Every structure is written in C-alpha cells, then in structure tokens.
N, C-alpha and C. Protein backbone atom coordinates (compact mmCIF):
# COMPACT_ATOMS: atom_id res chain seq x y z
N UNK A 1 -24.19 51.60 -14.48
CA UNK A 1 -25.31 50.95 -15.16
C UNK A 1 -25.90 50.12 -13.63
N UNK A 2 -26.88 50.16 -13.06
CA UNK A 2 -27.57 49.13 -12.15
C UNK A 2 -27.40 47.77 -12.67
N UNK A 3 -27.36 46.85 -11.49
CA UNK A 3 -27.18 45.55 -12.09
C UNK A 3 -28.48 44.99 -12.57
N UNK A 4 -29.49 45.37 -12.59
CA UNK A 4 -30.47 44.59 -13.19
C UNK A 4 -31.13 45.48 -14.40
N UNK A 5 -30.11 46.61 -14.67
CA UNK A 5 -30.90 47.39 -16.26
C UNK A 5 -30.01 46.83 -17.27
N UNK A 6 -30.84 46.91 -18.28
CA UNK A 6 -30.29 46.21 -19.43
C UNK A 6 -30.72 47.28 -20.57
N UNK A 7 -29.66 47.85 -21.09
CA UNK A 7 -29.90 48.91 -22.38
C UNK A 7 -30.15 48.01 -23.44
N UNK A 8 -31.44 48.22 -24.25
CA UNK A 8 -31.62 47.66 -25.36
C UNK A 8 -30.93 47.99 -26.41
N UNK A 9 -31.14 47.61 -27.52
CA UNK A 9 -30.53 48.14 -29.01
C UNK A 9 -30.94 49.79 -29.32
N UNK A 10 -30.01 50.31 -30.26
CA UNK A 10 -30.53 51.65 -30.54
C UNK A 10 -31.11 51.58 -31.22
N UNK A 11 -32.38 52.59 -30.88
CA UNK A 11 -33.45 52.97 -31.77
C UNK A 11 -33.28 53.88 -32.83
N UNK A 12 -32.64 55.10 -32.28
CA UNK A 12 -32.27 56.12 -33.11
C UNK A 12 -30.84 56.40 -33.03
N UNK A 13 -30.07 56.74 -33.91
CA UNK A 13 -28.81 56.98 -33.91
C UNK A 13 -28.68 58.88 -33.72
N UNK A 14 -27.68 59.50 -33.42
CA UNK A 14 -27.45 60.66 -33.41
C UNK A 14 -27.24 61.26 -34.53
N UNK A 15 -26.74 60.87 -35.52
CA UNK A 15 -27.29 61.49 -37.05
C UNK A 15 -28.49 61.39 -37.42
N UNK A 16 -29.49 60.49 -37.17
CA UNK A 16 -30.66 60.54 -37.18
C UNK A 16 -31.65 61.79 -36.37
N UNK A 17 -31.28 61.55 -35.40
CA UNK A 17 -31.79 62.82 -34.72
C UNK A 17 -31.24 64.12 -34.93
N UNK A 18 -30.19 64.20 -35.52
CA UNK A 18 -29.59 65.55 -35.93
C UNK A 18 -30.13 65.97 -37.44
N UNK A 19 -30.64 64.88 -37.80
CA UNK A 19 -31.15 65.10 -39.17
C UNK A 19 -32.47 65.50 -38.94
N UNK A 20 -33.17 64.98 -38.24
CA UNK A 20 -34.46 65.58 -37.58
C UNK A 20 -34.49 66.88 -37.07
N UNK A 21 -33.63 67.10 -36.47
CA UNK A 21 -33.70 68.55 -36.09
C UNK A 21 -33.44 69.63 -37.19
N UNK A 22 -32.79 69.16 -37.91
CA UNK A 22 -32.36 70.12 -38.99
C UNK A 22 -33.93 70.41 -40.07
N UNK A 23 -34.37 69.29 -40.24
CA UNK A 23 -35.60 69.59 -40.89
C UNK A 23 -36.64 70.34 -40.10
N UNK A 24 -36.54 69.85 -38.66
CA UNK A 24 -37.60 70.51 -37.90
C UNK A 24 -37.56 71.96 -37.65
N UNK A 25 -36.02 72.62 -37.53
CA UNK A 25 -35.76 73.72 -37.33
C UNK A 25 -36.29 74.31 -38.59
N UNK A 26 -35.99 73.77 -39.92
CA UNK A 26 -35.86 74.56 -40.96
C UNK A 26 -38.01 74.92 -41.04
N UNK A 27 -38.68 73.89 -40.57
CA UNK A 27 -39.97 73.75 -40.69
C UNK A 27 -40.29 74.78 -39.59
N UNK A 28 -39.78 75.22 -38.51
CA UNK A 28 -40.23 75.86 -37.41
C UNK A 28 -39.56 77.47 -37.70
N UNK A 29 -38.18 77.42 -38.35
CA UNK A 29 -38.27 78.88 -38.90
C UNK A 29 -39.11 79.40 -39.64
N UNK A 30 -39.64 78.46 -41.10
CA UNK A 30 -40.62 79.07 -41.74
C UNK A 30 -41.79 79.50 -41.08
N UNK A 31 -42.10 78.63 -40.36
CA UNK A 31 -43.30 79.07 -39.70
C UNK A 31 -43.70 80.38 -38.78
N UNK A 32 -42.57 80.80 -38.31
CA UNK A 32 -42.50 81.88 -37.33
C UNK A 32 -41.27 82.98 -38.22
N UNK A 33 -41.44 82.77 -39.56
CA UNK A 33 -40.35 83.85 -40.27
C UNK A 33 -41.04 85.11 -39.93
N UNK A 34 -40.02 86.40 -39.34
CA UNK A 34 -40.08 87.36 -39.07
C UNK A 34 -40.67 87.71 -37.84
N UNK A 35 -40.96 86.61 -37.14
CA UNK A 35 -41.34 86.89 -35.69
C UNK A 35 -40.57 86.43 -34.40
N UNK A 36 -40.56 86.82 -33.39
CA UNK A 36 -39.51 86.23 -32.19
C UNK A 36 -40.28 84.99 -31.68
N UNK A 37 -39.54 84.35 -31.43
CA UNK A 37 -40.17 83.12 -30.80
C UNK A 37 -39.47 82.79 -29.28
N UNK A 38 -39.99 82.32 -28.33
CA UNK A 38 -39.50 81.98 -26.79
C UNK A 38 -39.94 80.29 -26.95
N UNK A 39 -38.41 79.91 -27.18
CA UNK A 39 -38.34 78.30 -26.75
C UNK A 39 -38.39 78.04 -25.09
N UNK A 40 -38.95 76.85 -24.56
CA UNK A 40 -39.06 76.70 -23.34
C UNK A 40 -38.68 75.38 -23.20
N UNK A 41 -37.60 74.92 -22.76
CA UNK A 41 -37.25 73.49 -22.60
C UNK A 41 -37.75 72.97 -21.42
N UNK A 42 -38.20 71.86 -21.22
CA UNK A 42 -38.66 70.95 -20.14
C UNK A 42 -37.37 70.06 -19.86
N UNK A 43 -36.94 70.78 -18.53
CA UNK A 43 -36.00 69.89 -17.51
C UNK A 43 -36.13 68.83 -17.09
N UNK A 44 -35.15 67.62 -17.32
CA UNK A 44 -34.14 67.50 -17.85
C UNK A 44 -33.74 67.41 -19.05
N UNK A 45 -35.00 66.33 -19.60
CA UNK A 45 -34.87 65.40 -20.59
C UNK A 45 -34.41 65.95 -21.98
N UNK A 46 -35.33 67.10 -22.18
CA UNK A 46 -35.27 68.08 -23.57
C UNK A 46 -34.03 68.73 -23.74
N UNK A 47 -33.09 68.96 -22.74
CA UNK A 47 -31.86 69.38 -23.11
C UNK A 47 -30.95 69.21 -24.35
N UNK A 48 -30.60 68.17 -24.68
CA UNK A 48 -29.90 67.60 -25.71
C UNK A 48 -30.93 68.21 -26.93
N UNK A 49 -32.04 67.76 -27.28
CA UNK A 49 -32.78 67.96 -28.03
C UNK A 49 -33.17 69.55 -28.22
N UNK A 50 -33.59 70.27 -27.29
CA UNK A 50 -33.29 71.94 -27.51
C UNK A 50 -32.12 72.46 -28.33
N UNK A 51 -31.16 71.98 -27.73
CA UNK A 51 -29.58 72.53 -28.20
C UNK A 51 -29.85 72.18 -29.31
N UNK A 52 -30.04 71.07 -30.05
CA UNK A 52 -30.23 70.56 -31.37
C UNK A 52 -30.96 71.40 -32.34
N UNK A 53 -32.18 71.68 -31.95
CA UNK A 53 -33.59 72.41 -32.49
C UNK A 53 -32.82 74.19 -32.61
N UNK A 54 -32.41 74.53 -31.49
CA UNK A 54 -31.48 75.99 -31.16
C UNK A 54 -31.02 76.27 -32.34
N UNK A 55 -29.93 75.14 -32.62
CA UNK A 55 -28.75 75.26 -33.57
C UNK A 55 -29.27 75.42 -35.24
N UNK A 56 -30.56 74.85 -35.22
CA UNK A 56 -30.83 74.78 -36.77
C UNK A 56 -32.54 75.96 -36.75
N UNK A 57 -32.37 77.08 -36.12
CA UNK A 57 -33.50 78.15 -36.30
C UNK A 57 -32.66 79.29 -36.75
N UNK A 58 -33.40 79.90 -37.78
CA UNK A 58 -33.13 81.18 -38.61
C UNK A 58 -33.81 82.26 -37.92
N UNK A 59 -34.06 82.32 -36.52
CA UNK A 59 -35.12 83.22 -35.85
C UNK A 59 -34.52 84.09 -34.72
N UNK A 60 -34.96 85.47 -34.46
CA UNK A 60 -34.84 85.67 -33.01
C UNK A 60 -35.42 84.79 -31.69
N UNK A 61 -34.66 84.22 -31.03
CA UNK A 61 -35.24 83.40 -30.20
C UNK A 61 -34.51 83.93 -28.99
N UNK A 62 -35.49 83.45 -27.78
CA UNK A 62 -35.18 83.69 -26.36
C UNK A 62 -35.07 82.06 -25.77
N UNK A 63 -34.59 81.62 -24.83
CA UNK A 63 -35.02 80.70 -24.32
C UNK A 63 -35.30 80.25 -22.83
N UNK A 64 -35.80 79.93 -21.97
CA UNK A 64 -36.11 79.63 -20.75
C UNK A 64 -36.27 78.04 -20.56
N UNK A 65 -36.59 77.87 -19.01
CA UNK A 65 -36.60 76.28 -18.81
C UNK A 65 -37.68 76.33 -17.97
N UNK A 66 -38.31 75.00 -17.49
CA UNK A 66 -39.22 74.54 -16.78
C UNK A 66 -39.17 73.23 -16.19
N UNK A 67 -38.76 73.00 -14.84
CA UNK A 67 -39.05 71.68 -14.96
C UNK A 67 -40.23 71.42 -14.15
N UNK A 68 -40.89 70.17 -14.43
CA UNK A 68 -42.36 69.66 -13.98
C UNK A 68 -42.38 67.98 -14.25
N UNK A 69 -42.85 67.50 -13.10
CA UNK A 69 -42.84 66.26 -13.33
C UNK A 69 -44.00 65.53 -12.88
N UNK A 70 -43.99 64.11 -13.48
CA UNK A 70 -45.22 63.29 -12.89
C UNK A 70 -44.84 62.05 -12.75
N UNK A 71 -43.64 61.84 -13.05
CA UNK A 71 -42.70 60.83 -12.43
C UNK A 71 -41.96 60.82 -11.13
N UNK A 72 -41.91 59.73 -10.55
CA UNK A 72 -40.89 60.06 -9.17
C UNK A 72 -39.46 59.11 -9.93
N UNK A 73 -39.60 57.81 -9.01
CA UNK A 73 -38.17 57.26 -9.87
C UNK A 73 -38.47 55.93 -10.14
N UNK A 74 -40.01 55.89 -10.64
CA UNK A 74 -40.56 54.66 -11.24
C UNK A 74 -40.64 54.70 -12.71
N UNK A 75 -41.26 53.95 -13.52
CA UNK A 75 -41.52 54.13 -14.72
C UNK A 75 -42.19 54.19 -15.29
N UNK A 76 -43.82 54.48 -14.71
CA UNK A 76 -44.76 55.17 -15.11
C UNK A 76 -45.08 56.21 -14.39
N UNK A 77 -46.23 56.97 -14.84
CA UNK A 77 -46.72 58.24 -14.35
C UNK A 77 -47.64 58.24 -13.16
N UNK A 78 -47.19 59.07 -12.20
CA UNK A 78 -48.08 59.21 -10.83
C UNK A 78 -49.25 59.98 -11.31
N UNK A 79 -49.21 60.41 -12.66
CA UNK A 79 -50.69 61.31 -13.08
C UNK A 79 -50.70 62.76 -12.24
N UNK A 80 -50.26 62.60 -11.28
CA UNK A 80 -50.08 63.99 -10.58
C UNK A 80 -49.14 64.98 -10.95
N UNK A 81 -49.15 66.31 -11.51
CA UNK A 81 -48.11 67.04 -12.17
C UNK A 81 -47.52 67.98 -10.88
N UNK A 82 -46.20 67.96 -10.65
CA UNK A 82 -45.61 69.36 -10.09
C UNK A 82 -44.51 69.97 -10.70
N UNK A 83 -44.82 71.54 -10.30
CA UNK A 83 -43.66 72.21 -11.18
C UNK A 83 -42.56 72.30 -9.89
N UNK A 84 -41.52 72.12 -10.32
CA UNK A 84 -40.21 72.54 -9.40
C UNK A 84 -39.24 73.18 -9.91
N UNK A 85 -39.41 73.97 -11.09
CA UNK A 85 -38.86 74.79 -11.58
C UNK A 85 -39.70 76.02 -12.23
N UNK A 86 -39.99 76.93 -12.21
CA UNK A 86 -41.02 77.74 -13.14
C UNK A 86 -40.20 78.59 -14.26
N UNK A 87 -40.53 79.10 -15.38
CA UNK A 87 -39.66 79.93 -16.15
C UNK A 87 -39.78 81.71 -15.67
N UNK A 88 -38.72 82.19 -16.12
CA UNK A 88 -38.40 83.33 -15.68
C UNK A 88 -38.80 84.49 -16.44
N UNK A 89 -39.31 84.17 -17.80
CA UNK A 89 -39.49 84.95 -18.79
C UNK A 89 -40.80 85.74 -18.74
N UNK A 90 -41.27 86.38 -19.02
CA UNK A 90 -42.81 87.16 -19.34
C UNK A 90 -43.15 86.78 -20.60
N UNK A 91 -44.31 85.68 -20.95
CA UNK A 91 -44.83 85.30 -22.16
C UNK A 91 -45.80 85.69 -22.84
N UNK A 92 -46.39 86.93 -21.86
CA UNK A 92 -47.73 87.72 -22.64
C UNK A 92 -47.15 88.25 -23.98
N UNK A 93 -48.38 87.97 -24.52
CA UNK A 93 -48.30 88.38 -26.26
C UNK A 93 -46.76 87.58 -26.83
N UNK A 94 -46.26 86.84 -26.44
CA UNK A 94 -45.16 86.02 -27.39
C UNK A 94 -45.73 84.79 -27.62
N UNK A 95 -45.09 84.45 -28.57
CA UNK A 95 -44.99 83.05 -29.36
C UNK A 95 -44.09 82.04 -28.42
N UNK A 96 -44.89 81.01 -28.01
CA UNK A 96 -44.05 80.02 -27.11
C UNK A 96 -43.79 78.51 -27.65
N UNK A 97 -42.89 78.27 -27.68
CA UNK A 97 -42.84 76.76 -28.31
C UNK A 97 -41.89 76.10 -27.06
N UNK A 98 -42.55 74.89 -26.73
CA UNK A 98 -42.66 73.95 -25.77
C UNK A 98 -41.57 73.15 -26.47
N UNK A 99 -40.43 72.92 -25.53
CA UNK A 99 -39.53 71.88 -26.29
C UNK A 99 -39.66 70.41 -25.66
N UNK A 100 -39.97 69.59 -25.99
CA UNK A 100 -40.31 68.32 -25.09
C UNK A 100 -39.44 67.16 -25.61
N UNK A 101 -38.98 66.05 -24.57
CA UNK A 101 -38.19 65.21 -24.96
C UNK A 101 -39.27 64.34 -25.52
N UNK A 102 -40.36 63.66 -24.37
CA UNK A 102 -40.83 62.69 -25.23
C UNK A 102 -42.33 62.69 -24.47
N UNK A 103 -43.44 62.53 -25.62
CA UNK A 103 -44.86 62.56 -24.68
C UNK A 103 -45.41 61.25 -24.64
N UNK A 104 -45.75 60.64 -23.45
CA UNK A 104 -46.02 59.63 -22.99
C UNK A 104 -47.54 59.72 -22.85
N UNK A 105 -47.68 59.69 -21.63
CA UNK A 105 -49.29 59.71 -21.13
C UNK A 105 -50.05 61.34 -21.55
N UNK A 106 -49.15 62.24 -21.58
CA UNK A 106 -49.33 63.27 -22.24
C UNK A 106 -49.75 64.35 -20.89
N UNK A 107 -50.02 63.51 -19.51
CA UNK A 107 -50.44 64.34 -18.70
C UNK A 107 -49.58 65.49 -18.19
N UNK A 108 -48.31 65.82 -18.39
CA UNK A 108 -47.40 67.13 -17.79
C UNK A 108 -47.79 68.03 -18.95
N UNK A 109 -47.23 67.57 -19.83
CA UNK A 109 -47.22 68.31 -21.12
C UNK A 109 -48.72 68.86 -21.32
N UNK A 110 -49.69 68.54 -21.26
CA UNK A 110 -51.16 69.06 -21.16
C UNK A 110 -51.22 70.05 -19.72
N UNK A 111 -50.81 69.61 -18.84
CA UNK A 111 -50.97 70.91 -17.34
C UNK A 111 -49.77 71.98 -17.98
N UNK A 112 -48.64 72.08 -18.52
CA UNK A 112 -47.86 73.06 -19.08
C UNK A 112 -48.54 73.93 -20.13
N UNK A 113 -49.16 73.21 -21.10
CA UNK A 113 -49.94 73.90 -21.98
C UNK A 113 -50.57 74.66 -21.42
N UNK A 114 -51.61 74.24 -21.08
CA UNK A 114 -52.63 74.88 -20.19
C UNK A 114 -51.85 76.05 -18.99
N UNK A 115 -51.13 75.80 -18.51
CA UNK A 115 -50.16 76.83 -17.80
C UNK A 115 -49.92 77.87 -18.51
N UNK A 116 -49.31 77.47 -19.24
CA UNK A 116 -48.53 78.45 -20.53
C UNK A 116 -49.89 79.64 -21.02
N UNK A 117 -50.76 78.92 -21.43
CA UNK A 117 -52.29 79.72 -22.17
C UNK A 117 -52.74 80.39 -21.35
N UNK A 118 -52.44 80.09 -19.87
CA UNK A 118 -53.20 81.12 -18.96
C UNK A 118 -52.24 82.42 -18.61
N UNK A 119 -50.98 82.60 -19.24
CA UNK A 119 -50.49 83.22 -19.06
C UNK A 119 -50.59 84.37 -20.25
N UNK A 120 -51.42 84.24 -21.30
CA UNK A 120 -51.88 85.24 -22.36
C UNK A 120 -50.99 85.68 -23.40
N UNK A 121 -50.19 83.82 -24.00
CA UNK A 121 -48.90 84.23 -24.88
C UNK A 121 -49.62 84.95 -26.03
N UNK A 122 -49.09 84.73 -27.01
CA UNK A 122 -49.64 84.56 -28.69
C UNK A 122 -50.40 83.92 -29.15
N UNK A 123 -49.04 82.51 -29.12
CA UNK A 123 -49.23 81.54 -29.44
C UNK A 123 -48.41 80.54 -28.55
N UNK A 124 -49.10 78.95 -28.49
CA UNK A 124 -48.39 78.01 -27.68
C UNK A 124 -48.00 76.69 -28.62
N UNK A 125 -47.17 76.30 -28.78
CA UNK A 125 -46.96 75.08 -29.79
C UNK A 125 -46.08 74.19 -29.04
N UNK A 126 -45.94 73.14 -29.20
CA UNK A 126 -44.86 72.04 -29.14
C UNK A 126 -44.28 71.19 -29.94
N UNK A 127 -43.18 71.06 -29.54
CA UNK A 127 -42.14 70.44 -30.37
C UNK A 127 -41.37 69.01 -29.53
N UNK A 128 -41.40 67.98 -30.28
CA UNK A 128 -41.37 66.91 -28.97
C UNK A 128 -40.04 65.94 -29.95
N UNK A 129 -39.05 65.64 -29.28
CA UNK A 129 -38.35 64.69 -29.66
C UNK A 129 -39.27 63.12 -30.21
N UNK A 130 -39.48 62.87 -29.27
CA UNK A 130 -40.34 61.33 -29.39
C UNK A 130 -41.58 61.48 -28.79
N UNK A 131 -42.76 60.49 -29.53
CA UNK A 131 -43.99 60.53 -29.26
C UNK A 131 -44.21 59.18 -29.13
N UNK A 132 -45.27 58.91 -27.90
CA UNK A 132 -45.64 57.60 -27.53
C UNK A 132 -47.07 57.40 -27.39
N UNK A 133 -47.47 57.67 -28.56
CA UNK A 133 -49.15 57.87 -28.75
C UNK A 133 -49.75 56.58 -27.88
N UNK A 134 -49.54 55.53 -28.03
CA UNK A 134 -49.90 54.12 -27.65
C UNK A 134 -50.34 54.54 -25.99
N UNK A 135 -49.84 55.19 -25.40
CA UNK A 135 -49.71 55.30 -24.00
C UNK A 135 -50.64 56.84 -23.34
N UNK A 136 -51.09 57.71 -24.41
CA UNK A 136 -51.76 58.81 -24.43
C UNK A 136 -53.34 58.88 -23.41
N UNK A 137 -53.02 59.27 -22.32
CA UNK A 137 -54.32 59.63 -21.70
C UNK A 137 -55.26 60.97 -21.67
N UNK A 138 -53.93 62.16 -22.13
CA UNK A 138 -54.51 63.49 -21.75
C UNK A 138 -54.83 64.03 -23.79
N UNK A 139 -55.43 64.73 -23.64
CA UNK A 139 -55.90 65.50 -25.25
C UNK A 139 -54.65 66.40 -25.39
N UNK A 140 -53.79 66.01 -25.94
CA UNK A 140 -52.88 66.70 -25.89
C UNK A 140 -51.80 66.09 -27.23
N UNK A 141 -51.30 67.07 -28.21
CA UNK A 141 -50.64 66.58 -29.48
C UNK A 141 -49.63 67.62 -29.86
N UNK A 142 -48.39 67.43 -30.19
CA UNK A 142 -47.61 68.13 -30.71
C UNK A 142 -47.67 68.67 -32.16
N UNK A 143 -47.29 69.93 -32.21
CA UNK A 143 -47.07 70.47 -33.61
C UNK A 143 -46.28 70.10 -34.56
N UNK A 144 -44.86 69.71 -33.83
CA UNK A 144 -43.93 69.37 -34.42
C UNK A 144 -43.45 67.69 -33.54
N UNK A 145 -43.49 66.75 -34.32
CA UNK A 145 -43.00 65.43 -33.71
C UNK A 145 -41.83 64.79 -34.53
N UNK A 146 -40.79 64.61 -33.96
CA UNK A 146 -39.56 64.04 -34.41
C UNK A 146 -39.83 62.47 -34.96
N UNK A 147 -39.86 61.82 -34.20
CA UNK A 147 -40.06 60.05 -34.06
C UNK A 147 -41.25 59.65 -33.13
N UNK A 148 -42.10 58.52 -33.65
CA UNK A 148 -42.85 58.07 -33.07
C UNK A 148 -42.40 56.67 -32.44
N UNK A 149 -42.39 56.33 -31.01
CA UNK A 149 -41.75 55.10 -30.42
C UNK A 149 -42.91 54.22 -30.11
N UNK A 150 -42.38 53.04 -29.97
CA UNK A 150 -43.26 51.84 -29.01
C UNK A 150 -43.50 52.12 -27.78
N UNK A 151 -44.41 51.23 -27.30
CA UNK A 151 -44.45 51.46 -25.42
C UNK A 151 -43.32 50.99 -24.86
N UNK A 152 -42.51 51.91 -24.97
CA UNK A 152 -40.64 51.00 -24.17
C UNK A 152 -40.32 52.04 -23.50
N UNK A 153 -39.49 51.92 -22.40
CA UNK A 153 -39.08 52.66 -21.48
C UNK A 153 -37.82 53.37 -21.85
N UNK A 154 -38.03 54.76 -22.74
CA UNK A 154 -36.97 55.07 -23.66
C UNK A 154 -35.80 55.81 -23.04
N UNK A 155 -34.72 55.59 -22.93
CA UNK A 155 -33.60 56.34 -22.57
C UNK A 155 -32.94 56.84 -23.19
N UNK A 156 -31.61 57.52 -23.10
CA UNK A 156 -30.79 58.06 -23.87
C UNK A 156 -31.05 59.53 -24.48
N UNK A 157 -30.22 60.43 -25.04
CA UNK A 157 -30.13 61.51 -25.52
C UNK A 157 -31.23 62.55 -24.52
N UNK A 158 -30.63 62.57 -23.20
CA UNK A 158 -31.21 63.37 -22.46
C UNK A 158 -32.27 62.73 -21.56
N UNK A 159 -32.51 61.53 -22.06
CA UNK A 159 -33.95 60.82 -21.20
C UNK A 159 -33.38 59.64 -20.15
N UNK A 160 -33.88 59.65 -18.93
CA UNK A 160 -33.10 58.93 -18.33
C UNK A 160 -34.16 57.92 -17.52
N UNK A 161 -33.90 57.28 -16.73
CA UNK A 161 -34.15 56.06 -15.92
C UNK A 161 -33.60 56.56 -14.61
N UNK A 162 -34.08 57.11 -13.53
CA UNK A 162 -33.42 57.17 -12.27
C UNK A 162 -32.54 58.09 -12.23
N UNK A 163 -32.32 58.97 -13.32
CA UNK A 163 -31.35 59.87 -13.50
C UNK A 163 -30.15 59.33 -14.36
N UNK A 164 -30.39 58.19 -14.73
CA UNK A 164 -29.30 57.44 -15.27
C UNK A 164 -29.32 57.41 -16.93
N UNK A 165 -28.42 57.42 -17.69
CA UNK A 165 -28.48 56.98 -19.23
C UNK A 165 -28.88 58.56 -20.05
N UNK A 166 -28.67 59.35 -19.29
CA UNK A 166 -28.81 60.90 -20.34
C UNK A 166 -28.00 60.99 -21.09
N UNK A 167 -26.45 60.58 -20.63
CA UNK A 167 -25.71 60.88 -21.68
C UNK A 167 -25.54 59.81 -22.77
N UNK A 168 -26.15 59.00 -23.39
CA UNK A 168 -26.29 58.29 -24.16
C UNK A 168 -26.41 59.27 -25.20
N UNK A 169 -25.51 59.02 -26.35
CA UNK A 169 -25.47 59.91 -27.52
C UNK A 169 -26.75 59.28 -28.53
N UNK A 170 -27.55 58.64 -28.00
CA UNK A 170 -28.40 57.79 -29.25
C UNK A 170 -29.59 57.60 -28.11
N UNK A 171 -30.76 57.18 -28.86
CA UNK A 171 -31.89 56.83 -28.10
C UNK A 171 -32.22 55.04 -28.17
N UNK A 172 -32.22 54.75 -26.66
CA UNK A 172 -32.47 53.31 -26.58
C UNK A 172 -33.54 53.01 -25.89
N UNK A 173 -33.65 51.91 -24.94
CA UNK A 173 -34.81 51.58 -24.32
C UNK A 173 -34.24 50.59 -23.15
N UNK A 174 -34.85 50.46 -21.92
CA UNK A 174 -34.62 49.77 -20.92
C UNK A 174 -35.13 48.34 -21.26
N UNK A 175 -34.47 47.16 -21.21
CA UNK A 175 -34.81 46.07 -21.70
C UNK A 175 -34.69 44.92 -20.54
N UNK A 176 -35.38 45.09 -19.38
CA UNK A 176 -35.10 43.76 -18.34
C UNK A 176 -36.49 42.93 -17.93
C-alpha cells in the first residue's frame, strides 16, 4: 500500500458477493436454458467475478477475454477507449455475455458492446458486479447487476488502483 492510500471500510464481503453470484448464475442459466453462451471477461478487473459467475452456471459455455481501458494510472476515465487484447473466439451467431467488474462512466463498456455487435452475434448482454450510475455518461445499462455503489473509487475483488488492491477478498474503496 502506498503511503497516501487509505483503504476504506468493507462495502461488500466475499460472502455477499458469492451469494449474488449464485443468484445471478441461476438467472443467467434460466435465461439461456438450452443454448450455448460465450462469456467474455474484461481484463483484469472482472477475473474474480467471472470465476464466481462461471461456477454458478448450468450451461454449455466458452470463455474468452478482452482488455480495454479508458483509464491510465489515475482515478478518472480519460474518455478514450483502447483495446489492448482482443478476443480469440468467433462470436458470429453466438450468445455473448460480457462480464464486467464495474460500470462507471460506461464509455468502455458501450465501446465494447458496439464492437461485439459489429461482429454479428446472436445476442450481447452485460453482467456486472458493480454499477455506479451516478457517474454514467454513456448510454449503456447492464442486463445483470450485482450491486449499485456510490461515487467512490472502488477497489478489491479484482478492482484496482494503479494495479494495487486487486487481491482484496472484499469490495472497499480508496479513502484519502
């Protein structure tokens, strides 16, 4: 931890997150019953949430990952989206579920949704662990939302600040 970083109180425990993943996994399984589903995780923040969702699905699934960002080392979005690692699977005619850690401004997620839609999938839906609607500037909404959070810089459970705090087994925030 850097000297000036202060981790705030625990907002969501690992148990609360796991319970939500079970509920959402059941809903997603029901929504896609009898169909295949491609899960596309947004690196690096969604890795823990994606693993929890995957464990709770009763479907034929494939997984892939994409890395895109509108953040540098700061705490606010730059507004410009850059794909750093693209998916490898062909999603033409397939059901796609984007697994996201947090929707903040929505700029990155809107870009990714539009990018995937341009590849002619059967469907594209979004599953996010956290939603921060107070900061939304892009017209994007998740189909599956774990928890709504206040306008804090969220860390833990895969979410980072300058690549730190991803390993926290709970959701917290920077308080400085």
